[in-house]
C-alpha atoms as a PDB file:
ATOM      1  CA  MET A   1      22.475  -2.236  10.726  1.00  0.00           C
ATOM      2  CA  SER A   2      25.110  -2.094   7.975  1.00  0.00           C
ATOM      3  CA  SER A   3      28.262  -0.224   8.447  1.00  0.00           C
ATOM      4  CA  HIS A   4      27.180   1.895   5.399  1.00  0.00           C
ATOM      5  CA  ASP A   5      23.791   2.465   6.767  1.00  0.00           C
ATOM      6  CA  PRO A   6      23.359   5.585   9.088  1.00  0.00           C
ATOM      7  CA  LYS A   7      19.943   4.419  10.155  1.00  0.00           C
ATOM      8  CA  ASP A   8      19.738   3.730  13.858  1.00  0.00           C
ATOM      9  CA  PRO A   9      16.953   1.238  14.908  1.00  0.00           C
ATOM     10  CA  ALA A  10      17.280   2.105  18.507  1.00  0.00           C
ATOM     11  CA  GLN A  11      17.113   5.812  17.686  1.00  0.00           C
ATOM     12  CA  ILE A  12      13.908   5.141  15.536  1.00  0.00           C
ATOM     13  CA  ALA A  13      12.374   3.364  18.464  1.00  0.00           C
ATOM     14  CA  ARG A  14      13.061   6.128  20.999  1.00  0.00           C
ATOM     15  CA  MET A  15      11.739   8.818  18.672  1.00  0.00           C
ATOM     16  CA  ALA A  16       8.512   6.920  17.973  1.00  0.00           C
ATOM     17  CA  ALA A  17       7.994   6.405  21.690  1.00  0.00           C
ATOM     18  CA  ASP A  18       8.475  10.055  22.516  1.00  0.00           C
ATOM     19  CA  PRO A  19       5.122  11.455  23.697  1.00  0.00           C
ATOM     20  CA  GLN A  20       5.679  14.958  22.167  1.00  0.00           C
ATOM     21  CA  VAL A  21       6.898  13.486  18.748  1.00  0.00           C
ATOM     22  CA  LYS A  22       3.977  11.182  18.546  1.00  0.00           C
ATOM     23  CA  ARG A  23       1.500  14.099  19.323  1.00  0.00           C
ATOM     24  CA  THR A  24       3.095  16.405  16.843  1.00  0.00           C
ATOM     25  CA  ALA A  25       2.954  13.786  14.101  1.00  0.00           C
ATOM     26  CA  ARG A  26      -0.728  13.175  15.005  1.00  0.00           C
ATOM     27  CA  ASP A  27      -1.603  16.863  15.005  1.00  0.00           C
ATOM     28  CA  PHE A  28       0.063  17.263  11.664  1.00  0.00           C
ATOM     29  CA  PHE A  29      -1.795  14.418  10.114  1.00  0.00           C
ATOM     30  CA  ASP A  30      -5.250  15.420  11.548  1.00  0.00           C
ATOM     31  CA  ALA A  31      -4.703  19.051  10.378  1.00  0.00           C
ATOM     32  CA  THR A  32      -3.464  18.366   6.832  1.00  0.00           C
ATOM     33  CA  CYS A  33      -6.300  15.878   6.168  1.00  0.00           C
ATOM     34  CA  LYS A  34      -8.714  18.583   6.281  1.00  0.00           C
ATOM     35  CA  PHE A  35      -7.119  20.118   3.205  1.00  0.00           C
ATOM     36  CA  ARG A  36      -6.922  16.760   1.239  1.00  0.00           C
ATOM     37  CA  TYR A  37      -3.087  17.026   1.647  1.00  0.00           C
ATOM     38  CA  THR A  38      -2.465  13.645  -0.190  1.00  0.00           C
ATOM     39  CA  TYR A  39      -3.945  15.209  -3.405  1.00  0.00           C
ATOM     40  CA  ASN A  40      -1.047  17.718  -3.677  1.00  0.00           C
ATOM     41  CA  PHE A  41       1.440  15.226  -5.138  1.00  0.00           C
ATOM     42  CA  SER A  42       2.182  13.557  -8.364  1.00  0.00           C
ATOM     43  CA  TRP A  43       4.664  11.013  -9.680  1.00  0.00           C
ATOM     44  CA  LEU A  44       6.072  11.461 -13.132  1.00  0.00           C
ATOM     45  CA  GLY A  45       3.012  13.341 -14.170  1.00  0.00           C
ATOM     46  CA  ARG A  46       0.144  11.352 -12.537  1.00  0.00           C
ATOM     47  CA  PRO A  47      -1.587  12.263  -9.258  1.00  0.00           C
ATOM     48  CA  ILE A  48      -0.472   9.641  -6.639  1.00  0.00           C
ATOM     49  CA  ILE A  49      -2.676  10.434  -3.718  1.00  0.00           C
ATOM     50  CA  GLN A  50      -0.294   9.429  -0.944  1.00  0.00           C
ATOM     51  CA  TYR A  51       1.569  11.006   1.837  1.00  0.00           C
ATOM     52  CA  PRO A  52       5.303  11.600   0.841  1.00  0.00           C
ATOM     53  CA  GLN A  53       6.424   9.475   3.675  1.00  0.00           C
ATOM     54  CA  ASP A  54       4.664   6.516   2.465  1.00  0.00           C
ATOM     55  CA  ILE A  55       5.977   7.042  -1.019  1.00  0.00           C
ATOM     56  CA  VAL A  56       9.540   6.887   0.383  1.00  0.00           C
ATOM     57  CA  ALA A  57       8.653   3.674   2.422  1.00  0.00           C
ATOM     58  CA  LEU A  58       7.266   2.040  -0.787  1.00  0.00           C
ATOM     59  CA  GLN A  59      10.434   2.970  -2.565  1.00  0.00           C
ATOM     60  CA  GLU A  60      12.659   1.441  -0.024  1.00  0.00           C
ATOM     61  CA  ILE A  61      10.541  -1.841   0.118  1.00  0.00           C
ATOM     62  CA  ILE A  62      10.466  -2.254  -3.683  1.00  0.00           C
ATOM     63  CA  TRP A  63      14.276  -1.756  -3.926  1.00  0.00           C
ATOM     64  CA  LEU A  64      14.910  -4.232  -1.169  1.00  0.00           C
ATOM     65  CA  VAL A  65      12.426  -6.994  -2.421  1.00  0.00           C
ATOM     66  CA  LYS A  66      12.910  -6.331  -6.062  1.00  0.00           C
ATOM     67  CA  PRO A  67       9.541  -8.024  -7.051  1.00  0.00           C
ATOM     68  CA  ASP A  68       8.762  -9.279 -10.361  1.00  0.00           C
ATOM     69  CA  LEU A  69       5.087  -8.651  -9.729  1.00  0.00           C
ATOM     70  CA  ILE A  70       3.337  -5.765  -7.857  1.00  0.00           C
ATOM     71  CA  LEU A  71      -0.345  -6.203  -7.381  1.00  0.00           C
ATOM     72  CA  GLU A  72      -2.273  -3.018  -6.541  1.00  0.00           C
ATOM     73  CA  THR A  73      -5.864  -2.834  -5.765  1.00  0.00           C
ATOM     74  CA  GLY A  74      -7.261   0.580  -6.469  1.00  0.00           C
ATOM     75  CA  ILE A  75      -6.084   2.584  -9.380  1.00  0.00           C
ATOM     76  CA  ALA A  76      -7.668   6.093  -9.204  1.00  0.00           C
ATOM     77  CA  HIS A  77      -5.475   8.403 -11.361  1.00  0.00           C
ATOM     78  CA  GLY A  78      -2.765   5.830 -11.720  1.00  0.00           C
ATOM     79  CA  GLY A  79       0.060   7.677  -9.926  1.00  0.00           C
ATOM     80  CA  SER A  80       0.707   4.599  -7.863  1.00  0.00           C
ATOM     81  CA  LEU A  81       0.881   2.308 -10.837  1.00  0.00           C
ATOM     82  CA  ILE A  82       3.385   4.782 -12.416  1.00  0.00           C
ATOM     83  CA  PHE A  83       5.448   4.918  -9.379  1.00  0.00           C
ATOM     84  CA  SER A  84       5.571   1.112  -9.105  1.00  0.00           C
ATOM     85  CA  ALA A  85       6.507   0.833 -12.718  1.00  0.00           C
ATOM     86  CA  SER A  86       9.323   3.297 -12.476  1.00  0.00           C
ATOM     87  CA  MET A  87      10.774   1.433  -9.563  1.00  0.00           C
ATOM     88  CA  LEU A  88      10.761  -1.834 -11.680  1.00  0.00           C
ATOM     89  CA  GLU A  89      12.231   0.032 -14.586  1.00  0.00           C
ATOM     90  CA  LEU A  90      15.108   0.946 -12.481  1.00  0.00           C
ATOM     91  CA  ILE A  91      15.468  -2.535 -11.061  1.00  0.00           C
ATOM     92  CA  GLY A  92      15.457  -4.050 -14.643  1.00  0.00           C
ATOM     93  CA  GLY A  93      14.158  -7.443 -15.684  1.00  0.00           C
ATOM     94  CA  GLU A  94      10.484  -8.150 -16.736  1.00  0.00           C
ATOM     95  CA  GLY A  95       8.673  -6.869 -13.641  1.00  0.00           C
ATOM     96  CA  LEU A  96       4.873  -6.149 -14.037  1.00  0.00           C
ATOM     97  CA  VAL A  97       2.529  -3.844 -12.143  1.00  0.00           C
ATOM     98  CA  LEU A  98      -0.977  -5.354 -12.104  1.00  0.00           C
ATOM     99  CA  GLY A  99      -3.675  -2.701 -11.193  1.00  0.00           C
ATOM    100  CA  VAL A 100      -7.223  -3.628 -10.358  1.00  0.00           C
ATOM    101  CA  ASP A 101     -10.204  -1.314  -9.886  1.00  0.00           C
ATOM    102  CA  ILE A 102     -13.853  -1.675  -9.928  1.00  0.00           C
ATOM    103  CA  ASP A 103     -14.182   1.529 -12.063  1.00  0.00           C
ATOM    104  CA  ILE A 104     -11.155   2.745 -14.258  1.00  0.00           C
ATOM    105  CA  ARG A 105     -12.234   5.971 -15.510  1.00  0.00           C
ATOM    106  CA  GLU A 106     -11.574   6.483 -19.256  1.00  0.00           C
ATOM    107  CA  HIS A 107      -9.525   9.626 -18.951  1.00  0.00           C
ATOM    108  CA  ASN A 108      -7.261   8.035 -16.337  1.00  0.00           C
ATOM    109  CA  ARG A 109      -6.896   4.833 -18.451  1.00  0.00           C
ATOM    110  CA  VAL A 110      -5.942   6.942 -21.457  1.00  0.00           C
ATOM    111  CA  GLU A 111      -3.235   8.870 -19.486  1.00  0.00           C
ATOM    112  CA  ILE A 112      -1.960   5.756 -17.890  1.00  0.00           C
ATOM    113  CA  GLU A 113      -1.786   3.909 -21.318  1.00  0.00           C
ATOM    114  CA  LYS A 114       0.010   6.689 -23.033  1.00  0.00           C
ATOM    115  CA  HIS A 115       2.679   7.087 -20.357  1.00  0.00           C
ATOM    116  CA  PRO A 116       6.191   6.097 -21.177  1.00  0.00           C
ATOM    117  CA  LEU A 117       6.048   3.287 -18.483  1.00  0.00           C
ATOM    118  CA  SER A 118       2.739   1.854 -19.411  1.00  0.00           C
ATOM    119  CA  LYS A 119       4.769  -1.103 -20.900  1.00  0.00           C
ATOM    120  CA  ARG A 120       5.094  -2.365 -17.293  1.00  0.00           C
ATOM    121  CA  ILE A 121       1.453  -2.048 -16.468  1.00  0.00           C
ATOM    122  CA  GLN A 122      -1.488  -4.091 -16.907  1.00  0.00           C
ATOM    123  CA  MET A 123      -4.948  -3.044 -15.645  1.00  0.00           C
ATOM    124  CA  ILE A 124      -8.135  -5.125 -14.864  1.00  0.00           C
ATOM    125  CA  GLN A 125     -11.488  -3.472 -14.200  1.00  0.00           C
ATOM    126  CA  GLY A 126     -13.691  -5.217 -11.819  1.00  0.00           C
ATOM    127  CA  SER A 127     -14.013  -5.652  -8.063  1.00  0.00           C
ATOM    128  CA  SER A 128     -10.757  -7.259  -6.403  1.00  0.00           C
ATOM    129  CA  VAL A 129     -13.024  -9.450  -4.341  1.00  0.00           C
ATOM    130  CA  ASP A 130     -14.962 -10.928  -7.251  1.00  0.00           C
ATOM    131  CA  GLU A 131     -14.054 -14.457  -7.731  1.00  0.00           C
ATOM    132  CA  SER A 132     -13.545 -14.106 -11.520  1.00  0.00           C
ATOM    133  CA  ILE A 133     -11.257 -11.228 -11.103  1.00  0.00           C
ATOM    134  CA  ALA A 134      -9.265 -13.150  -8.454  1.00  0.00           C
ATOM    135  CA  ARG A 135      -8.849 -16.069 -10.859  1.00  0.00           C
ATOM    136  CA  LYS A 136      -7.478 -13.637 -13.472  1.00  0.00           C
ATOM    137  CA  ILE A 137      -5.002 -12.181 -10.959  1.00  0.00           C
ATOM    138  CA  HIS A 138      -3.799 -15.629  -9.714  1.00  0.00           C
ATOM    139  CA  ALA A 139      -3.293 -16.706 -13.297  1.00  0.00           C
ATOM    140  CA  LEU A 140      -1.160 -13.699 -13.972  1.00  0.00           C
ATOM    141  CA  ALA A 141       0.860 -14.219 -10.911  1.00  0.00           C
ATOM    142  CA  SER A 142       1.620 -17.798 -11.595  1.00  0.00           C
ATOM    143  CA  GLY A 143       5.270 -18.317 -12.000  1.00  0.00           C
ATOM    144  CA  ARG A 144       6.347 -15.174 -10.472  1.00  0.00           C
ATOM    145  CA  LYS A 145       9.108 -15.637  -7.918  1.00  0.00           C
ATOM    146  CA  ARG A 146       8.829 -12.321  -5.716  1.00  0.00           C
ATOM    147  CA  VAL A 147       5.250 -10.825  -5.405  1.00  0.00           C
ATOM    148  CA  LEU A 148       4.485  -7.668  -3.476  1.00  0.00           C
ATOM    149  CA  VAL A 149       0.775  -6.799  -2.861  1.00  0.00           C
ATOM    150  CA  ILE A 150      -0.648  -3.191  -1.997  1.00  0.00           C
ATOM    151  CA  LEU A 151      -4.308  -3.079  -0.981  1.00  0.00           C
ATOM    152  CA  ASP A 152      -5.804   0.488  -1.392  1.00  0.00           C
ATOM    153  CA  SER A 153      -9.405   0.140  -2.773  1.00  0.00           C
ATOM    154  CA  ASN A 154     -12.539  -0.063  -0.908  1.00  0.00           C
ATOM    155  CA  HIS A 155     -11.573   0.450   2.821  1.00  0.00           C
ATOM    156  CA  THR A 156     -14.423  -1.307   4.609  1.00  0.00           C
ATOM    157  CA  HIS A 157     -13.545  -4.183   6.973  1.00  0.00           C
ATOM    158  CA  GLU A 158     -15.499  -6.830   5.022  1.00  0.00           C
ATOM    159  CA  HIS A 159     -13.789  -5.928   1.638  1.00  0.00           C
ATOM    160  CA  VAL A 160     -10.152  -5.622   3.052  1.00  0.00           C
ATOM    161  CA  LEU A 161     -10.493  -8.799   4.918  1.00  0.00           C
ATOM    162  CA  LYS A 162     -11.672 -10.600   1.826  1.00  0.00           C
ATOM    163  CA  GLU A 163      -8.687  -9.132  -0.151  1.00  0.00           C
ATOM    164  CA  LEU A 164      -6.429 -10.288   2.487  1.00  0.00           C
ATOM    165  CA  GLN A 165      -7.733 -13.867   2.232  1.00  0.00           C
ATOM    166  CA  LEU A 166      -7.610 -13.856  -1.496  1.00  0.00           C
ATOM    167  CA  TYR A 167      -4.263 -12.431  -2.139  1.00  0.00           C
ATOM    168  CA  SER A 168      -1.992 -12.772   1.028  1.00  0.00           C
ATOM    169  CA  HIS A 169      -0.647 -16.149  -0.093  1.00  0.00           C
ATOM    170  CA  LEU A 170       0.500 -14.533  -3.344  1.00  0.00           C
ATOM    171  CA  VAL A 171       3.113 -12.650  -1.278  1.00  0.00           C
ATOM    172  CA  THR A 172       6.473 -14.434  -1.089  1.00  0.00           C
ATOM    173  CA  LYS A 173       8.622 -14.797   1.912  1.00  0.00           C
ATOM    174  CA  GLY A 174      10.613 -11.549   2.607  1.00  0.00           C
ATOM    175  CA  SER A 175       8.261  -9.353   0.462  1.00  0.00           C
ATOM    176  CA  TYR A 176       5.392  -7.199   1.892  1.00  0.00           C
ATOM    177  CA  LEU A 177       1.622  -7.109   2.005  1.00  0.00           C
ATOM    178  CA  ILE A 178       0.842  -3.425   2.425  1.00  0.00           C
ATOM    179  CA  VAL A 179      -2.660  -2.300   3.645  1.00  0.00           C
ATOM    180  CA  PHE A 180      -3.367   1.454   3.102  1.00  0.00           C
ATOM    181  CA  ASP A 181      -5.681   3.641   5.130  1.00  0.00           C
ATOM    182  CA  THR A 182      -5.451   1.650   8.369  1.00  0.00           C
ATOM    183  CA  VAL A 183      -5.237   5.190   9.949  1.00  0.00           C
ATOM    184  CA  VAL A 184      -8.987   5.321   9.363  1.00  0.00           C
ATOM    185  CA  GLU A 185      -9.316   3.559  12.822  1.00  0.00           C
ATOM    186  CA  ASP A 186      -7.597   6.351  14.663  1.00  0.00           C
ATOM    187  CA  MET A 187      -9.440   9.148  12.908  1.00  0.00           C
ATOM    188  CA  PRO A 188     -12.415  11.161  14.350  1.00  0.00           C
ATOM    189  CA  GLU A 189     -15.731   9.204  13.890  1.00  0.00           C
ATOM    190  CA  ASP A 190     -17.333  12.184  11.792  1.00  0.00           C
ATOM    191  CA  PHE A 191     -14.332  12.354   9.427  1.00  0.00           C
ATOM    192  CA  PHE A 192     -16.013  10.079   6.821  1.00  0.00           C
ATOM    193  CA  PRO A 193     -19.648  11.178   6.609  1.00  0.00           C
ATOM    194  CA  ASP A 194     -19.940  10.177   3.001  1.00  0.00           C
ATOM    195  CA  ARG A 195     -17.878   6.823   3.191  1.00  0.00           C
ATOM    196  CA  PRO A 196     -19.057   3.301   4.422  1.00  0.00           C
ATOM    197  CA  TRP A 197     -16.019   3.082   6.484  1.00  0.00           C
ATOM    198  CA  GLY A 198     -14.870   4.588   9.848  1.00  0.00           C
ATOM    199  CA  PRO A 199     -13.661   3.744  13.232  1.00  0.00           C
ATOM    200  CA  GLY A 200     -14.441  -0.078  13.941  1.00  0.00           C
ATOM    201  CA  ASN A 201     -15.005  -0.646  10.183  1.00  0.00           C
ATOM    202  CA  ASN A 202     -11.772  -0.231   8.183  1.00  0.00           C
ATOM    203  CA  PRO A 203      -8.639  -1.690   7.042  1.00  0.00           C
ATOM    204  CA  LYS A 204      -6.880  -1.847  10.403  1.00  0.00           C
ATOM    205  CA  THR A 205      -9.844  -3.867  11.900  1.00  0.00           C
ATOM    206  CA  ALA A 206      -9.369  -6.140   8.893  1.00  0.00           C
ATOM    207  CA  VAL A 207      -5.680  -6.575   9.568  1.00  0.00           C
ATOM    208  CA  THR A 208      -6.215  -7.223  13.263  1.00  0.00           C
ATOM    209  CA  GLU A 209      -8.631 -10.166  12.423  1.00  0.00           C
ATOM    210  CA  PHE A 210      -6.388 -11.462   9.592  1.00  0.00           C
ATOM    211  CA  LEU A 211      -3.271 -11.604  11.815  1.00  0.00           C
ATOM    212  CA  LYS A 212      -5.259 -13.681  14.388  1.00  0.00           C
ATOM    213  CA  THR A 213      -5.201 -16.808  12.277  1.00  0.00           C
ATOM    214  CA  ASN A 214      -2.350 -16.067   9.690  1.00  0.00           C
ATOM    215  CA  ARG A 215       1.113 -16.523  10.974  1.00  0.00           C
ATOM    216  CA  ARG A 216       2.883 -15.798   7.656  1.00  0.00           C
ATOM    217  CA  PHE A 217       2.874 -12.173   8.335  1.00  0.00           C
ATOM    218  CA  GLU A 218       3.979  -9.676  11.094  1.00  0.00           C
ATOM    219  CA  ILE A 219       3.750  -5.909  11.281  1.00  0.00           C
ATOM    220  CA  ASP A 220       6.938  -4.113  10.427  1.00  0.00           C
ATOM    221  CA  ARG A 221       6.841  -1.427  13.216  1.00  0.00           C
ATOM    222  CA  GLU A 222      10.133   0.062  12.229  1.00  0.00           C
ATOM    223  CA  ILE A 223       8.611   1.381   8.914  1.00  0.00           C
ATOM    224  CA  GLU A 224       5.853   3.159  10.780  1.00  0.00           C
ATOM    225  CA  ASN A 225       8.277   4.247  13.622  1.00  0.00           C
ATOM    226  CA  LYS A 226      10.597   5.985  11.326  1.00  0.00           C
ATOM    227  CA  LEU A 227       7.855   7.483   9.029  1.00  0.00           C
ATOM    228  CA  LEU A 228       5.728   8.937  12.108  1.00  0.00           C
ATOM    229  CA  ILE A 229       3.434  10.257   9.565  1.00  0.00           C
ATOM    230  CA  THR A 230       1.622   7.411   7.515  1.00  0.00           C
ATOM    231  CA  VAL A 231      -1.703   6.395   6.346  1.00  0.00           C
ATOM    232  CA  ALA A 232      -0.728   2.801   7.103  1.00  0.00           C
ATOM    233  CA  PRO A 233      -0.010   2.251  10.815  1.00  0.00           C
ATOM    234  CA  SER A 234      -0.035  -1.597  11.302  1.00  0.00           C
ATOM    235  CA  GLY A 235      -0.381  -1.898   7.640  1.00  0.00           C
ATOM    236  CA  TYR A 236       3.155  -2.657   6.502  1.00  0.00           C
ATOM    237  CA  LEU A 237       3.062  -6.464   6.866  1.00  0.00           C
ATOM    238  CA  LYS A 238       6.244  -8.419   6.062  1.00  0.00           C
ATOM    239  CA  CYS A 239       5.949 -12.106   4.987  1.00  0.00           C
ATOM    240  CA  VAL A 240       8.210 -14.069   7.308  1.00  0.00           C
ATOM    241  CA  GLU A 241       7.309 -17.730   6.269  1.00  0.00           C
ATOM    242  CA  ASP A 242       6.853 -19.345   3.061  1.00  0.00           C
END
């Protein structure tokens, strides 16, 4: 810990291990999910659909890594793309945000493209696990020195595992591979009646399988421990090997 950094890792670990704190955080998460809490927030005018805690974590990671490419699967209203672009704008340089979605709604595309930060954003429409889309992404990533990957599209085990297999090797040592909505594994079974994912079939199960055979990444537990409230428990993966 830096002498200028008031963060105390030991205190964070004790807080995260406290049963009452863990229960309170869990109760808050479950209760607010019923009210679509993540839809309450925007970033520079675009809905971001994230918990504020995860937004802060992303800010810390991007500022630390200073990537020259951020790959995001899943676009929705574009708030996350705008967020990443705003961070790259602050960092300076030629950093690019590459967003991929199987269905980029026209009204969302229009709003993203007319945003002042659109100069740092490129979008590809298509499935992130389609081989032709993957080839386009790899071509755009070629030559980039520091790459950060954020997976937040289809949340089924099969889809996320395929994304991990296709894009994990783009992530450079010291950067992160962030898998959102791993929290699905810990939610009630009847919470996703209209979705193909749920407990036993979700991003966390994909991460667990992925890490069995990939030693380049390890879960950064301190991030989720200090957040307490996050949609990505076990989903902040730090790249520790070239």
